[in-house]
Amino acid sequence: MSLPWLVADVGGTNARFGLVTRRGGGPEAVAVLAGAEYDGLPEAVAAYLAEHAGGVQPGAACIAIAGPVKGDRYRLTNAGWSGSVRDLGIPNAELLNDFEALAESLPYLGDGDLVSLGGPAPSRGVKAVLGPGTGLGVGGLVPAAEGWVAIPGEGGHVTVPILDERDHEIVSALRADGLEHVVAEHLLSGPGLTRLHRALALVRGVRAPRLSASDIVARMDDSLCAETVEVFCGMLGTFAGNVALTLGARGGVYLGGGVLPRIVDRVRSSDFRRRFENTPTLNDYLSDIATTLIVAPQPALVGAAAWLDQRLSNMEYA
């Protein structure tokens, strides 16, 4: 595992890359490549190394993928890339789920990388990490005798979290519009904001243009866009509470992904925290759990670098 190491966070829209040039160091030479411009992961890796990393040959790699990982095989859930990490031609190349890598980053994030969304200060217990981007990721971090163990998940594909009458009307409108089985990711993601906007227009009986997530969050003076973001934050709170209960995440729930850092103030002033705590039997349990937004620029790359460093340490002491 000679240095430098390649680290990557590959999502449905963008592939983020960096180099680790020293043990314990963070990612350097970070670059973000648009996935649509490349035929697959090997081509994107080759482009990054040639154009942003001086043509170096990494001695190891940790590639975080937004989708299920099985051994050396990967498949992006919201893009067409699939294959084997062995195709990269890099020795000691390994795969992680992207939210597994994000979970790995949590012990290395500082105060400036985090924004409180309510509750007490985070503690050392089990932590959950989730967040909307092109899709909806979920992972966890469990304290161990020495350090932490990250766990991947595909919780974004559970049934959509609905709580009140408006939520039910939205899901009914989407089903009538052709989306037969509505899962959380269909609404709690960048594309989900577009679906929510469409569904609310149907519920309200108004005509509305098809808007991207960026357009919606930029038009808070528009009542339908403002309501879309309000519903999004509320549903996300219910979803986050479900994840916290499932994992027993007394150590805190952390929110990442590409959508929320753009609307920090909206999330903080929204119904997110109230709906997070809203359960008929365990609201006291949830009120004691911190909710925290990750605003660090490329945290999954930090997690991938930490994972590689820990793997080398395990090899040295084996």
Protein backbone atom coordinates (compact mmCIF):
# COMPACT_ATOMS: atom_id res chain seq x y z
CA MET A 1 0.00 0.00 0.00
CA SER A 2 2.61 2.53 -1.10
CA LEU A 3 1.65 6.17 -1.17
CA PRO A 4 -0.08 8.06 -2.68
CA TRP A 5 -3.54 6.56 -2.20
CA LEU A 6 -6.55 7.37 -4.33
CA VAL A 7 -9.84 8.12 -2.55
CA ALA A 8 -13.14 8.66 -4.31
CA ASP A 9 -16.79 9.38 -3.56
CA VAL A 10 -18.82 8.35 -6.59
CA GLY A 11 -22.45 9.47 -6.72
CA GLY A 12 -25.20 9.40 -9.26
CA THR A 13 -24.27 12.86 -10.61
CA ASN A 14 -20.66 13.59 -9.65
CA ALA A 15 -17.49 11.63 -8.91
CA ARG A 16 -15.21 13.28 -6.35
CA PHE A 17 -11.54 12.31 -6.17
CA GLY A 18 -8.54 13.08 -3.99
CA LEU A 19 -5.04 11.85 -3.19
CA VAL A 20 -3.63 10.94 0.21
CA THR A 21 0.10 11.61 0.20
CA ARG A 22 0.98 10.81 3.84
CA ARG A 23 -0.22 8.50 6.58
CA GLY A 24 -2.94 10.16 8.61
CA GLY A 25 -3.30 12.94 6.06
CA GLY A 26 -6.46 14.20 4.46
CA PRO A 27 -7.29 14.22 0.76
CA GLU A 28 -5.38 16.62 -1.48
CA ALA A 29 -5.73 17.60 -5.15
CA VAL A 30 -9.50 17.22 -4.79
CA ALA A 31 -11.47 17.40 -8.03
CA VAL A 32 -15.13 16.86 -8.89
CA LEU A 33 -15.92 15.26 -12.26
CA ALA A 34 -19.36 15.07 -13.86
CA GLY A 35 -20.24 11.41 -14.21
CA ALA A 36 -22.21 11.92 -17.43
CA GLU A 37 -18.98 12.90 -19.21
CA TYR A 38 -17.42 9.45 -18.77
CA ASP A 39 -18.37 5.96 -19.93
CA GLY A 40 -17.59 4.42 -16.56
CA LEU A 41 -15.52 4.51 -13.39
CA PRO A 42 -12.21 3.40 -15.00
CA GLU A 43 -12.43 6.27 -17.48
CA ALA A 44 -13.22 8.81 -14.75
CA VAL A 45 -10.33 7.55 -12.59
CA ALA A 46 -7.93 7.73 -15.53
CA ALA A 47 -9.05 11.27 -16.31
CA TYR A 48 -8.60 12.39 -12.71
CA LEU A 49 -5.12 10.89 -12.41
CA ALA A 50 -3.99 12.37 -15.73
CA GLU A 51 -5.56 15.81 -15.44
CA HIS A 52 -5.58 16.56 -11.70
CA ALA A 53 -2.96 14.31 -10.07
CA GLY A 54 0.05 14.67 -12.33
CA GLY A 55 -0.25 11.17 -13.75
CA VAL A 56 0.75 9.43 -10.48
CA GLN A 57 0.11 5.71 -10.00
CA PRO A 58 -1.60 5.12 -6.63
CA GLY A 59 -0.47 2.23 -4.47
CA ALA A 60 -3.97 1.75 -3.04
CA ALA A 61 -7.48 3.09 -3.45
CA CYS A 62 -10.73 3.33 -1.51
CA ILE A 63 -13.71 3.98 -3.75
CA ALA A 64 -17.00 4.93 -2.06
CA ILE A 65 -19.96 4.07 -4.27
CA ALA A 66 -23.56 5.35 -4.10
CA GLY A 67 -25.10 1.92 -4.38
CA PRO A 68 -24.81 -1.66 -3.20
CA VAL A 69 -21.31 -3.11 -2.94
CA LYS A 70 -20.61 -6.86 -3.04
CA GLY A 71 -16.99 -7.91 -2.85
CA ASP A 72 -15.16 -6.23 -5.71
CA ARG A 73 -18.41 -5.50 -7.61
CA TYR A 74 -20.37 -2.25 -7.65
CA ARG A 75 -23.46 -0.81 -9.31
CA LEU A 76 -24.50 2.82 -9.03
CA THR A 77 -28.16 2.98 -8.06
CA ASN A 78 -28.90 6.24 -9.88
CA ALA A 79 -26.48 6.03 -12.81
CA GLY A 80 -25.33 3.46 -15.35
CA TRP A 81 -21.88 2.63 -14.01
CA SER A 82 -21.21 -0.92 -12.84
CA GLY A 83 -18.27 -3.31 -12.82
CA SER A 84 -15.36 -4.47 -10.69
CA VAL A 85 -12.93 -2.30 -8.77
CA ARG A 86 -10.22 -4.59 -10.19
CA ASP A 87 -10.82 -2.94 -13.58
CA LEU A 88 -9.10 0.20 -12.28
CA GLY A 89 -5.67 -1.44 -12.41
CA ILE A 90 -4.76 -0.10 -8.96
CA PRO A 91 -3.29 -2.52 -6.39
CA ASN A 92 -5.09 -2.79 -3.05
CA ALA A 93 -8.23 -1.16 -4.43
CA GLU A 94 -11.30 -1.59 -2.22
CA LEU A 95 -14.95 -0.56 -2.30
CA LEU A 96 -17.19 1.01 0.34
CA ASN A 97 -20.77 2.17 0.22
CA ASP A 98 -20.73 5.98 0.08
CA PHE A 99 -22.53 6.41 3.40
CA GLU A 100 -20.23 3.84 4.97
CA ALA A 101 -17.38 6.19 4.02
CA LEU A 102 -19.36 9.17 5.31
CA ALA A 103 -19.85 7.37 8.62
CA GLU A 104 -16.09 6.72 8.78
CA SER A 105 -15.51 10.48 8.57
CA LEU A 106 -17.52 11.39 11.68
CA PRO A 107 -14.69 11.09 14.27
CA TYR A 108 -12.52 13.36 12.12
CA LEU A 109 -14.94 16.26 11.61
CA GLY A 110 -14.42 19.46 13.59
CA ASP A 111 -16.84 22.03 14.96
CA GLY A 112 -16.61 24.05 11.77
CA ASP A 113 -17.76 21.04 9.76
CA LEU A 114 -21.01 20.61 11.71
CA VAL A 115 -24.22 22.57 12.36
CA SER A 116 -26.61 21.60 15.16
CA LEU A 117 -30.21 20.87 14.18
CA GLY A 118 -31.39 20.38 17.75
CA GLY A 119 -31.01 18.16 20.77
CA PRO A 120 -28.12 17.73 23.20
CA ALA A 121 -24.45 17.46 22.23
CA PRO A 122 -23.61 14.22 20.38
CA SER A 123 -22.15 11.42 22.51
CA ARG A 124 -20.02 8.33 21.85
CA GLY A 125 -22.93 5.91 21.35
CA VAL A 126 -24.12 4.42 18.08
CA LYS A 127 -24.41 7.08 15.40
CA ALA A 128 -26.62 7.20 12.31
CA VAL A 129 -25.74 9.08 9.14
CA LEU A 130 -28.18 9.80 6.33
CA GLY A 131 -28.77 12.36 3.66
CA PRO A 132 -30.34 13.38 0.37
CA GLY A 133 -28.31 13.86 -2.80
CA THR A 134 -29.03 12.28 -6.16
CA GLY A 135 -30.39 9.48 -3.99
CA LEU A 136 -30.97 9.01 -0.25
CA GLY A 137 -28.13 7.35 1.66
CA VAL A 138 -28.12 5.70 5.09
CA GLY A 139 -25.31 4.27 7.21
CA GLY A 140 -24.19 3.90 10.79
CA LEU A 141 -21.14 4.04 13.06
CA VAL A 142 -20.81 1.69 16.02
CA PRO A 143 -18.28 2.13 18.85
CA ALA A 144 -15.88 -0.79 19.20
CA ALA A 145 -13.19 -1.78 21.69
CA GLU A 146 -10.66 0.09 19.55
CA GLY A 147 -12.15 2.86 17.44
CA TRP A 148 -15.32 2.56 15.41
CA VAL A 149 -16.98 0.22 12.92
CA ALA A 150 -18.98 1.69 10.03
CA ILE A 151 -22.02 -0.16 8.72
CA PRO A 152 -23.59 0.38 5.27
CA GLY A 153 -27.28 0.29 4.48
CA GLU A 154 -29.84 0.89 1.77
CA GLY A 155 -32.42 2.57 3.99
CA GLY A 156 -33.28 5.12 1.34
CA HIS A 157 -35.44 2.48 -0.33
CA VAL A 158 -37.82 1.91 2.57
CA THR A 159 -41.43 3.01 2.16
CA VAL A 160 -41.89 6.79 2.20
CA PRO A 161 -42.37 8.28 5.72
CA ILE A 162 -45.81 9.88 5.85
CA LEU A 163 -47.32 11.41 8.97
CA ASP A 164 -50.14 13.86 8.28
CA GLU A 165 -52.97 14.33 5.81
CA ARG A 166 -50.91 16.45 3.44
CA ASP A 167 -48.27 13.69 3.25
CA HIS A 168 -50.97 11.17 2.37
CA GLU A 169 -52.36 13.46 -0.33
CA ILE A 170 -48.89 13.88 -1.84
CA VAL A 171 -48.27 10.14 -2.02
CA SER A 172 -51.75 9.54 -3.44
CA ALA A 173 -51.12 12.16 -6.13
CA LEU A 174 -47.83 10.53 -7.10
CA ARG A 175 -49.43 7.11 -7.30
CA ALA A 176 -52.23 8.48 -9.48
CA ASP A 177 -49.53 10.09 -11.62
CA GLY A 178 -47.93 6.70 -12.28
CA LEU A 179 -45.46 6.11 -9.40
CA GLU A 180 -46.98 2.91 -8.03
CA HIS A 181 -44.71 2.26 -5.03
CA VAL A 182 -43.32 5.41 -3.43
CA VAL A 183 -40.12 4.92 -1.43
CA ALA A 184 -38.31 7.47 0.71
CA GLU A 185 -35.68 8.22 -1.95
CA HIS A 186 -38.40 9.18 -4.43
CA LEU A 187 -39.12 12.28 -2.32
CA LEU A 188 -36.09 12.82 -0.06
CA SER A 189 -33.44 13.53 -2.68
CA GLY A 190 -32.59 16.16 -5.27
CA PRO A 191 -34.91 14.57 -7.85
CA GLY A 192 -37.36 14.06 -4.96
CA LEU A 193 -37.72 17.82 -4.55
CA THR A 194 -38.86 17.97 -8.17
CA ARG A 195 -41.39 15.17 -7.54
CA LEU A 196 -42.64 16.89 -4.37
CA HIS A 197 -43.13 20.13 -6.26
CA ARG A 198 -45.10 18.29 -8.95
CA ALA A 199 -47.19 16.42 -6.36
CA LEU A 200 -48.04 19.57 -4.40
CA ALA A 201 -49.14 21.27 -7.64
CA LEU A 202 -51.49 18.32 -8.25
CA VAL A 203 -52.80 18.44 -4.66
CA ARG A 204 -53.34 22.21 -4.82
CA GLY A 205 -54.87 22.01 -8.31
CA VAL A 206 -52.47 24.56 -9.78
CA ARG A 207 -50.31 24.60 -12.89
CA ALA A 208 -46.58 24.72 -12.22
CA PRO A 209 -43.47 24.40 -14.42
CA ARG A 210 -41.15 21.45 -13.90
CA LEU A 211 -38.31 22.78 -11.74
CA SER A 212 -34.98 21.30 -10.73
CA ALA A 213 -33.98 21.05 -7.08
CA SER A 214 -31.68 24.06 -7.52
CA ASP A 215 -34.51 26.10 -9.01
CA ILE A 216 -36.88 25.19 -6.17
CA VAL A 217 -34.51 26.14 -3.34
CA ALA A 218 -33.66 29.39 -5.16
CA ARG A 219 -37.33 30.47 -5.36
CA MET A 220 -38.37 30.73 -1.73
CA ASP A 221 -40.51 33.75 -2.60
CA ASP A 222 -42.75 31.37 -4.58
CA SER A 223 -45.38 29.83 -2.28
CA LEU A 224 -45.33 26.40 -3.94
CA CYS A 225 -41.53 26.19 -3.84
CA ALA A 226 -41.52 27.29 -0.19
CA GLU A 227 -44.12 24.65 0.68
CA THR A 228 -42.12 22.02 -1.22
CA VAL A 229 -39.03 22.69 0.92
CA GLU A 230 -41.19 22.74 4.07
CA VAL A 231 -42.68 19.32 3.27
CA PHE A 232 -39.24 17.98 2.32
CA CYS A 233 -37.72 18.98 5.68
CA GLY A 234 -40.68 17.61 7.64
CA MET A 235 -40.64 14.23 5.90
CA LEU A 236 -36.87 14.09 6.36
CA GLY A 237 -37.38 14.61 10.09
CA THR A 238 -39.77 11.65 10.27
CA PHE A 239 -37.37 9.52 8.23
CA ALA A 240 -34.41 10.49 10.44
CA GLY A 241 -36.40 9.58 13.56
CA ASN A 242 -37.19 6.18 12.06
CA VAL A 243 -33.50 5.59 11.35
CA ALA A 244 -32.54 6.68 14.88
CA LEU A 245 -35.03 4.23 16.41
CA THR A 246 -33.93 1.40 14.11
CA LEU A 247 -30.22 1.76 14.90
CA GLY A 248 -30.61 2.90 18.51
CA ALA A 249 -28.55 5.94 17.51
CA ARG A 250 -28.17 7.52 20.94
CA GLY A 251 -24.80 8.93 19.84
CA GLY A 252 -26.49 11.24 17.35
CA VAL A 253 -27.99 11.43 13.89
CA TYR A 254 -25.84 13.16 11.27
CA LEU A 255 -27.19 14.47 7.99
CA GLY A 256 -25.04 14.73 4.87
CA GLY A 257 -25.56 14.67 1.12
CA GLY A 258 -25.49 17.45 -1.42
CA VAL A 259 -28.92 19.04 -0.85
CA LEU A 260 -29.05 20.16 2.78
CA PRO A 261 -25.89 22.34 2.96
CA ARG A 262 -27.59 24.64 0.41
CA ILE A 263 -30.59 25.26 2.69
CA VAL A 264 -29.08 25.20 6.20
CA ASP A 265 -31.22 28.03 7.58
CA ARG A 266 -34.40 26.56 6.07
CA VAL A 267 -33.73 23.18 7.69
CA ARG A 268 -33.03 24.77 11.08
CA SER A 269 -36.25 26.80 11.00
CA SER A 270 -38.38 23.99 9.56
CA ASP A 271 -40.52 21.26 11.10
CA PHE A 272 -37.58 18.85 10.88
CA ARG A 273 -36.79 18.56 14.59
CA ARG A 274 -40.42 18.43 15.76
CA ARG A 275 -41.17 15.59 13.37
CA PHE A 276 -37.92 13.88 14.31
CA GLU A 277 -39.15 13.63 17.91
CA ASN A 278 -42.77 12.88 17.00
CA THR A 279 -43.49 9.30 18.02
CA PRO A 280 -46.42 8.24 20.23
CA THR A 281 -44.37 6.14 22.64
CA LEU A 282 -40.66 7.11 22.50
CA ASN A 283 -40.57 10.88 22.04
CA ASP A 284 -38.40 11.22 25.17
CA TYR A 285 -35.95 8.72 23.64
CA LEU A 286 -35.69 10.79 20.47
CA SER A 287 -35.56 14.16 22.23
CA ASP A 288 -32.31 13.00 23.88
CA ILE A 289 -30.66 12.37 20.49
CA ALA A 290 -28.65 15.10 18.76
CA THR A 291 -29.34 15.91 15.12
CA THR A 292 -26.39 17.47 13.29
CA LEU A 293 -25.86 18.65 9.72
CA ILE A 294 -22.51 17.95 8.04
CA VAL A 295 -21.32 21.01 6.08
CA ALA A 296 -17.73 19.88 5.42
CA PRO A 297 -16.99 20.09 1.67
CA GLN A 298 -15.95 16.46 0.92
CA PRO A 299 -16.44 14.39 4.09
CA ALA A 300 -16.72 10.99 2.37
CA LEU A 301 -13.19 11.45 1.00
CA VAL A 302 -12.00 12.05 4.58
CA GLY A 303 -13.75 8.83 5.61
CA ALA A 304 -12.22 6.85 2.75
CA ALA A 305 -8.75 8.11 3.68
CA ALA A 306 -9.30 7.17 7.34
CA TRP A 307 -10.52 3.71 6.30
CA LEU A 308 -7.38 3.08 4.22
CA ASP A 309 -5.13 4.25 7.05
CA GLN A 310 -6.91 1.94 9.50
CA ARG A 311 -6.66 -0.99 7.06
CA LEU A 312 -2.89 -0.49 6.77
CA SER A 313 -2.61 -0.30 10.56
CA ASN A 314 -4.46 -3.61 10.86
CA MET A 315 -2.08 -5.18 8.32
CA GLU A 316 0.95 -3.91 10.23
CA TYR A 317 -0.26 -5.41 13.51
CA ALA A 318 -1.58 -8.67 12.04
